Protein backbone atom coordinates (compact mmCIF):
# COMPACT_ATOMS: atom_id res chain seq x y z
CA MET A 1 11.92 -3.41 -8.74
CA SER A 2 9.76 -6.50 -8.23
CA GLN A 3 6.54 -6.61 -10.18
CA THR A 4 3.63 -8.84 -9.25
CA LEU A 5 1.13 -9.71 -11.93
CA ALA A 6 -2.39 -9.14 -10.71
CA PRO A 7 -5.75 -9.13 -12.41
CA PRO A 8 -6.64 -5.75 -13.92
CA VAL A 9 -8.49 -3.27 -11.75
CA SER A 10 -12.15 -3.07 -12.75
CA ALA A 11 -13.06 0.40 -13.99
CA SER A 12 -16.41 0.15 -12.23
CA SER A 13 -14.89 -0.61 -8.82
CA ASP A 14 -14.03 1.86 -6.11
CA TRP A 15 -10.33 2.76 -5.96
CA ARG A 16 -10.31 2.54 -2.15
CA SER A 17 -11.67 -1.01 -2.20
CA GLN A 18 -8.98 -1.87 -4.74
CA CYS A 19 -6.40 -0.48 -2.31
CA ARG A 20 -7.76 -2.68 0.47
CA ALA A 21 -7.84 -5.74 -1.79
CA ARG A 22 -4.23 -5.17 -2.91
CA ARG A 23 -2.97 -4.02 0.53
CA ILE A 24 -1.98 -0.60 -0.79
CA ASP A 25 -2.28 2.41 1.50
CA PRO A 26 -4.89 4.81 0.06
CA ALA A 27 -2.90 7.72 1.50
CA GLU A 28 0.00 6.76 -0.76
CA VAL A 29 -2.32 6.77 -3.79
CA GLU A 30 -3.73 10.17 -2.79
CA MET A 31 -0.24 11.59 -2.31
CA VAL A 32 0.97 10.43 -5.74
CA ALA A 33 -2.29 11.59 -7.35
CA SER A 34 -1.89 15.06 -5.86
CA ARG A 35 1.63 15.26 -7.29
CA TYR A 36 0.44 14.22 -10.73
CA VAL A 37 -2.49 16.68 -10.63
CA ALA A 38 -0.11 19.51 -9.71
CA TYR A 39 2.21 18.50 -12.58
CA ARG A 40 -0.71 18.11 -15.02
CA ASP A 41 -2.21 21.48 -14.11
CA TYR A 42 1.13 23.27 -14.33
CA MET A 43 2.01 21.71 -17.66
CA LYS A 44 -1.46 22.36 -19.10
CA ALA A 45 -0.90 26.07 -18.56
CA HIS A 46 2.49 25.80 -20.27
CA GLY A 47 1.40 23.78 -23.29
CA GLY A 48 2.52 20.23 -22.75
CA GLY A 49 3.49 17.52 -20.35
CA LEU A 50 3.65 13.76 -20.19
CA PRO A 51 0.61 11.51 -20.09
CA LEU A 52 0.06 9.67 -16.80
CA ALA A 53 1.94 6.50 -17.78
CA GLY A 54 5.05 8.43 -18.85
CA TRP A 55 4.98 10.66 -15.79
CA PHE A 56 4.49 7.63 -13.52
CA ARG A 57 7.46 5.81 -15.06
CA PHE A 58 9.64 8.84 -14.34
CA TYR A 59 8.15 9.19 -10.83
CA CYS A 60 8.99 5.54 -10.05
CA GLN A 61 12.57 6.04 -11.23
CA GLU A 62 12.91 9.08 -8.97
CA LYS A 63 11.42 7.23 -5.99
CA ALA A 64 13.71 4.25 -6.57
CA SER A 65 16.75 6.52 -6.63
CA GLU A 66 15.68 8.05 -3.31
CA SER A 67 14.57 4.84 -1.59
CA GLY A 68 17.97 4.14 -0.04
CA ASP A 69 17.77 7.46 1.77
CA GLN A 70 14.34 6.67 3.22
CA THR A 71 15.11 3.59 5.28
CA GLY A 72 15.53 5.37 8.60
CA GLY A 73 13.12 7.34 10.72
CA VAL A 74 9.89 5.84 9.41
CA VAL A 75 7.77 4.01 11.96
CA SER A 76 6.51 0.64 10.74
CA GLU A 77 5.64 1.70 7.20
CA CYS A 78 3.60 4.63 8.50
CA SER A 79 2.09 6.73 5.73
CA ALA A 80 1.77 9.86 7.87
CA THR A 81 4.78 11.39 6.16
CA GLY A 82 3.90 10.01 2.75
CA GLU A 83 7.33 8.41 2.53
CA ALA A 84 6.70 4.91 3.92
CA VAL A 85 9.48 2.33 3.61
CA GLY A 86 7.13 -0.26 2.04
CA GLN A 87 6.01 1.91 -0.86
CA ALA A 88 3.62 0.11 -3.19
CA VAL A 89 4.55 2.58 -5.92
CA LEU A 90 7.90 0.74 -6.05
CA SER A 91 6.91 -2.80 -5.07
CA GLU A 92 3.72 -3.05 -7.20
CA PRO A 93 4.03 -0.39 -9.91
CA ARG A 94 1.59 -1.92 -12.43
CA VAL A 95 -1.15 -2.43 -9.86
CA PHE A 96 -0.43 0.96 -8.30
CA LEU A 97 -0.71 2.69 -11.69
CA GLU A 98 -4.07 1.03 -12.37
CA ILE A 99 -5.43 2.17 -8.99
CA LEU A 100 -3.90 5.62 -9.47
CA ARG A 101 -5.61 5.93 -12.86
CA LEU A 102 -8.94 4.92 -11.28
CA GLN A 103 -8.46 7.39 -8.43
CA LEU A 104 -7.66 10.22 -10.85
CA GLU A 105 -10.70 9.43 -13.04
CA THR A 106 -12.92 9.40 -9.94
CA VAL A 107 -11.53 12.30 -7.89
CA HIS A 108 -9.54 14.48 -10.32
CA PRO A 109 -11.00 14.15 -13.82
CA ALA A 110 -9.01 16.03 -16.45
């Protein structure tokens, strides 16, 4: 998993503009955010759960283990299915996590 060092995402900036600046598909961020929100809400009702960083680390490991199975049938990194070949969640995890955190704070506050 290649990791590119990038300047930190400004907390006052819009998460969508950060996606554009970093060439990350906002649909991918929304998809991952919805999965975390579902996990967070389920675990809240059951008394626990991982914080975002821990959950995201596990999520990346799961995506990496599945990535070999996702190389066919996707049209030019199309995000329509939410399973694009060029997934920023795997190629830029640190940047993706920062944008994901900003998106969650903006759209899905705890």
